[in-house]
Amino acid sequence: KNIAKLYNTIKHALEVHNTIEINASDVTTIDTATLQLLVSLKKDAPCLNKTIDIIYPSARFIESAKLLDLLSILDVTES
């Protein structure tokens, strides 16, 4: 829904900071496009000498990432 806004927010944060943390504890729904965006950003960050960490992922976030086999790419673990 707001994928362009999210992309611009994270892109700007990466311009200003070397490391950003995305607190995913309150995620109740997440669509494939948003997960794809996070995967793309996680993959691109090291090339820019930046770090993106997804912290405190909610059960729904983990479930969605697991369904798409993205847990390792997003560096998220089941707890």
N, C-alpha and C. Protein backbone atom coordinates (compact mmCIF):
# COMPACT_ATOMS: atom_id res chain seq x y z
N LYS A 1 0.84 -1.20 0.00
CA LYS A 1 0.00 0.00 0.00
C LYS A 1 0.88 1.25 0.00
N ASN A 2 1.74 1.33 0.94
CA ASN A 2 2.61 2.49 1.07
C ASN A 2 4.06 2.13 0.77
N ILE A 3 4.25 1.22 -0.19
CA ILE A 3 5.58 0.70 -0.47
C ILE A 3 6.54 1.80 -0.92
N ALA A 4 6.07 2.74 -1.73
CA ALA A 4 6.93 3.83 -2.19
C ALA A 4 7.36 4.70 -1.02
N LYS A 5 6.44 4.96 -0.12
CA LYS A 5 6.75 5.77 1.06
C LYS A 5 7.77 5.05 1.94
N LEU A 6 7.56 3.75 2.15
CA LEU A 6 8.49 2.96 2.95
C LEU A 6 9.87 2.95 2.31
N TYR A 7 9.92 2.74 1.01
CA TYR A 7 11.20 2.74 0.29
C TYR A 7 11.93 4.06 0.47
N ASN A 8 11.23 5.16 0.29
CA ASN A 8 11.86 6.47 0.43
C ASN A 8 12.32 6.74 1.86
N THR A 9 11.55 6.29 2.82
CA THR A 9 11.93 6.47 4.23
C THR A 9 13.21 5.71 4.55
N ILE A 10 13.27 4.44 4.12
CA ILE A 10 14.46 3.63 4.40
C ILE A 10 15.65 4.15 3.60
N LYS A 11 15.42 4.53 2.36
CA LYS A 11 16.51 5.06 1.53
C LYS A 11 17.11 6.31 2.18
N HIS A 12 16.26 7.19 2.66
CA HIS A 12 16.73 8.41 3.32
C HIS A 12 17.50 8.06 4.60
N ALA A 13 16.98 7.13 5.36
CA ALA A 13 17.66 6.71 6.61
C ALA A 13 19.04 6.15 6.30
N LEU A 14 19.16 5.40 5.20
CA LEU A 14 20.46 4.85 4.83
C LEU A 14 21.44 5.93 4.37
N GLU A 15 20.92 7.00 3.80
CA GLU A 15 21.78 8.12 3.39
C GLU A 15 22.37 8.81 4.62
N VAL A 16 21.61 8.85 5.69
CA VAL A 16 21.99 9.59 6.89
C VAL A 16 22.75 8.72 7.90
N HIS A 17 22.42 7.43 7.95
CA HIS A 17 22.99 6.53 8.96
C HIS A 17 23.67 5.33 8.31
N ASN A 18 24.66 4.78 9.00
CA ASN A 18 25.33 3.58 8.51
C ASN A 18 24.57 2.31 8.87
N THR A 19 23.82 2.38 9.95
CA THR A 19 23.04 1.24 10.40
C THR A 19 21.63 1.70 10.74
N ILE A 20 20.65 0.93 10.27
CA ILE A 20 19.28 1.21 10.70
C ILE A 20 18.67 -0.08 11.22
N GLU A 21 17.82 0.06 12.20
CA GLU A 21 17.10 -1.06 12.77
C GLU A 21 15.62 -0.87 12.47
N ILE A 22 15.02 -1.92 11.97
CA ILE A 22 13.59 -1.91 11.68
C ILE A 22 12.92 -2.76 12.75
N ASN A 23 12.16 -2.11 13.61
CA ASN A 23 11.45 -2.81 14.67
C ASN A 23 10.16 -3.38 14.09
N ALA A 24 10.12 -4.70 13.96
CA ALA A 24 8.97 -5.36 13.34
C ALA A 24 8.05 -6.01 14.37
N SER A 25 8.12 -5.55 15.60
CA SER A 25 7.34 -6.17 16.67
C SER A 25 5.84 -5.96 16.53
N ASP A 26 5.43 -4.87 15.92
CA ASP A 26 4.00 -4.57 15.80
C ASP A 26 3.40 -4.97 14.46
N VAL A 27 4.15 -5.70 13.64
CA VAL A 27 3.64 -6.10 12.33
C VAL A 27 2.53 -7.13 12.52
N THR A 28 1.34 -6.79 12.00
CA THR A 28 0.21 -7.71 12.07
C THR A 28 -0.09 -8.29 10.69
N THR A 29 0.27 -7.57 9.64
CA THR A 29 0.16 -8.07 8.27
C THR A 29 1.32 -7.51 7.48
N ILE A 30 1.80 -8.30 6.52
CA ILE A 30 2.87 -7.83 5.65
C ILE A 30 2.68 -8.51 4.30
N ASP A 31 2.76 -7.73 3.25
CA ASP A 31 2.54 -8.30 1.93
C ASP A 31 3.87 -8.67 1.26
N THR A 32 3.76 -9.40 0.18
CA THR A 32 4.93 -9.88 -0.53
C THR A 32 5.78 -8.72 -1.05
N ALA A 33 5.15 -7.67 -1.52
CA ALA A 33 5.90 -6.52 -2.05
C ALA A 33 6.78 -5.89 -0.96
N THR A 34 6.26 -5.80 0.23
CA THR A 34 7.05 -5.22 1.33
C THR A 34 8.20 -6.15 1.70
N LEU A 35 7.95 -7.44 1.74
CA LEU A 35 9.03 -8.38 2.01
C LEU A 35 10.09 -8.33 0.91
N GLN A 36 9.66 -8.21 -0.33
CA GLN A 36 10.61 -8.09 -1.45
C GLN A 36 11.46 -6.84 -1.31
N LEU A 37 10.84 -5.75 -0.89
CA LEU A 37 11.57 -4.50 -0.68
C LEU A 37 12.62 -4.69 0.41
N LEU A 38 12.25 -5.32 1.50
CA LEU A 38 13.20 -5.54 2.60
C LEU A 38 14.35 -6.45 2.15
N VAL A 39 14.04 -7.47 1.37
CA VAL A 39 15.08 -8.36 0.84
C VAL A 39 16.04 -7.56 -0.03
N SER A 40 15.50 -6.76 -0.91
CA SER A 40 16.34 -5.96 -1.81
C SER A 40 17.24 -5.00 -1.03
N LEU A 41 16.68 -4.34 -0.04
CA LEU A 41 17.45 -3.42 0.77
C LEU A 41 18.52 -4.14 1.59
N LYS A 42 18.16 -5.31 2.16
CA LYS A 42 19.14 -6.09 2.93
C LYS A 42 20.30 -6.53 2.04
N LYS A 43 20.00 -6.90 0.80
CA LYS A 43 21.05 -7.35 -0.12
C LYS A 43 21.92 -6.20 -0.59
N ASP A 44 21.34 -5.03 -0.80
CA ASP A 44 22.08 -3.88 -1.30
C ASP A 44 22.90 -3.17 -0.23
N ALA A 45 22.47 -3.24 1.00
CA ALA A 45 23.12 -2.49 2.09
C ALA A 45 24.62 -2.76 2.21
N PRO A 46 25.08 -4.01 2.19
CA PRO A 46 26.52 -4.24 2.33
C PRO A 46 27.35 -3.60 1.20
N CYS A 47 26.80 -3.52 0.02
CA CYS A 47 27.50 -2.88 -1.11
C CYS A 47 27.71 -1.39 -0.84
N LEU A 48 26.86 -0.83 0.00
CA LEU A 48 26.95 0.59 0.34
C LEU A 48 27.64 0.79 1.69
N ASN A 49 28.19 -0.29 2.23
CA ASN A 49 28.79 -0.27 3.58
C ASN A 49 27.78 0.17 4.64
N LYS A 50 26.57 -0.32 4.49
CA LYS A 50 25.48 -0.02 5.42
C LYS A 50 24.95 -1.32 6.00
N THR A 51 24.20 -1.21 7.07
CA THR A 51 23.60 -2.38 7.71
C THR A 51 22.13 -2.12 7.99
N ILE A 52 21.32 -3.10 7.67
CA ILE A 52 19.89 -3.05 8.01
C ILE A 52 19.59 -4.27 8.87
N ASP A 53 19.08 -4.02 10.06
CA ASP A 53 18.72 -5.10 10.98
C ASP A 53 17.23 -5.05 11.24
N ILE A 54 16.59 -6.19 11.15
CA ILE A 54 15.18 -6.30 11.50
C ILE A 54 15.15 -6.89 12.90
N ILE A 55 14.62 -6.09 13.83
CA ILE A 55 14.63 -6.49 15.24
C ILE A 55 13.21 -6.79 15.73
N TYR A 56 13.14 -7.65 16.69
CA TYR A 56 11.88 -8.03 17.35
C TYR A 56 10.76 -8.36 16.36
N PRO A 57 11.02 -9.24 15.40
CA PRO A 57 9.96 -9.56 14.43
C PRO A 57 8.77 -10.24 15.11
N SER A 58 7.59 -9.79 14.75
CA SER A 58 6.37 -10.38 15.31
C SER A 58 6.18 -11.79 14.74
N ALA A 59 5.31 -12.53 15.37
CA ALA A 59 5.00 -13.89 14.89
C ALA A 59 4.47 -13.84 13.46
N ARG A 60 3.67 -12.86 13.15
CA ARG A 60 3.11 -12.73 11.80
C ARG A 60 4.21 -12.41 10.79
N PHE A 61 5.15 -11.55 11.16
CA PHE A 61 6.27 -11.23 10.28
C PHE A 61 7.07 -12.50 10.00
N ILE A 62 7.39 -13.24 11.05
CA ILE A 62 8.16 -14.48 10.90
C ILE A 62 7.40 -15.49 10.05
N GLU A 63 6.12 -15.64 10.30
CA GLU A 63 5.30 -16.59 9.54
C GLU A 63 5.31 -16.24 8.05
N SER A 64 5.14 -14.97 7.73
CA SER A 64 5.12 -14.55 6.33
C SER A 64 6.48 -14.74 5.67
N ALA A 65 7.54 -14.38 6.37
CA ALA A 65 8.88 -14.56 5.81
C ALA A 65 9.20 -16.04 5.63
N LYS A 66 8.75 -16.86 6.57
CA LYS A 66 9.00 -18.30 6.48
C LYS A 66 8.27 -18.91 5.29
N LEU A 67 7.04 -18.50 5.07
CA LEU A 67 6.26 -19.02 3.94
C LEU A 67 6.97 -18.76 2.61
N LEU A 68 7.69 -17.65 2.52
CA LEU A 68 8.40 -17.29 1.29
C LEU A 68 9.87 -17.68 1.34
N ASP A 69 10.24 -18.43 2.37
CA ASP A 69 11.63 -18.89 2.55
C ASP A 69 12.62 -17.72 2.58
N LEU A 70 12.27 -16.69 3.35
CA LEU A 70 13.09 -15.48 3.43
C LEU A 70 13.74 -15.26 4.80
N LEU A 71 13.57 -16.20 5.71
CA LEU A 71 14.10 -15.99 7.06
C LEU A 71 15.61 -15.75 7.03
N SER A 72 16.34 -16.58 6.30
CA SER A 72 17.81 -16.43 6.30
C SER A 72 18.24 -15.17 5.55
N ILE A 73 17.58 -14.85 4.46
CA ILE A 73 17.93 -13.65 3.70
C ILE A 73 17.70 -12.41 4.54
N LEU A 74 16.60 -12.40 5.27
CA LEU A 74 16.29 -11.24 6.12
C LEU A 74 17.02 -11.30 7.46
N ASP A 75 17.72 -12.39 7.70
CA ASP A 75 18.47 -12.59 8.94
C ASP A 75 17.55 -12.51 10.15
N VAL A 76 16.42 -13.20 10.04
CA VAL A 76 15.40 -13.25 11.09
C VAL A 76 15.29 -14.69 11.54
N THR A 77 15.21 -14.89 12.84
CA THR A 77 15.09 -16.24 13.37
C THR A 77 13.77 -16.42 14.11
N GLU A 78 13.31 -17.63 14.09
CA GLU A 78 12.11 -17.97 14.86
C GLU A 78 12.50 -18.07 16.32
N SER A 79 11.63 -17.56 17.18
CA SER A 79 11.95 -17.65 18.61
C SER A 79 11.00 -18.53 19.34
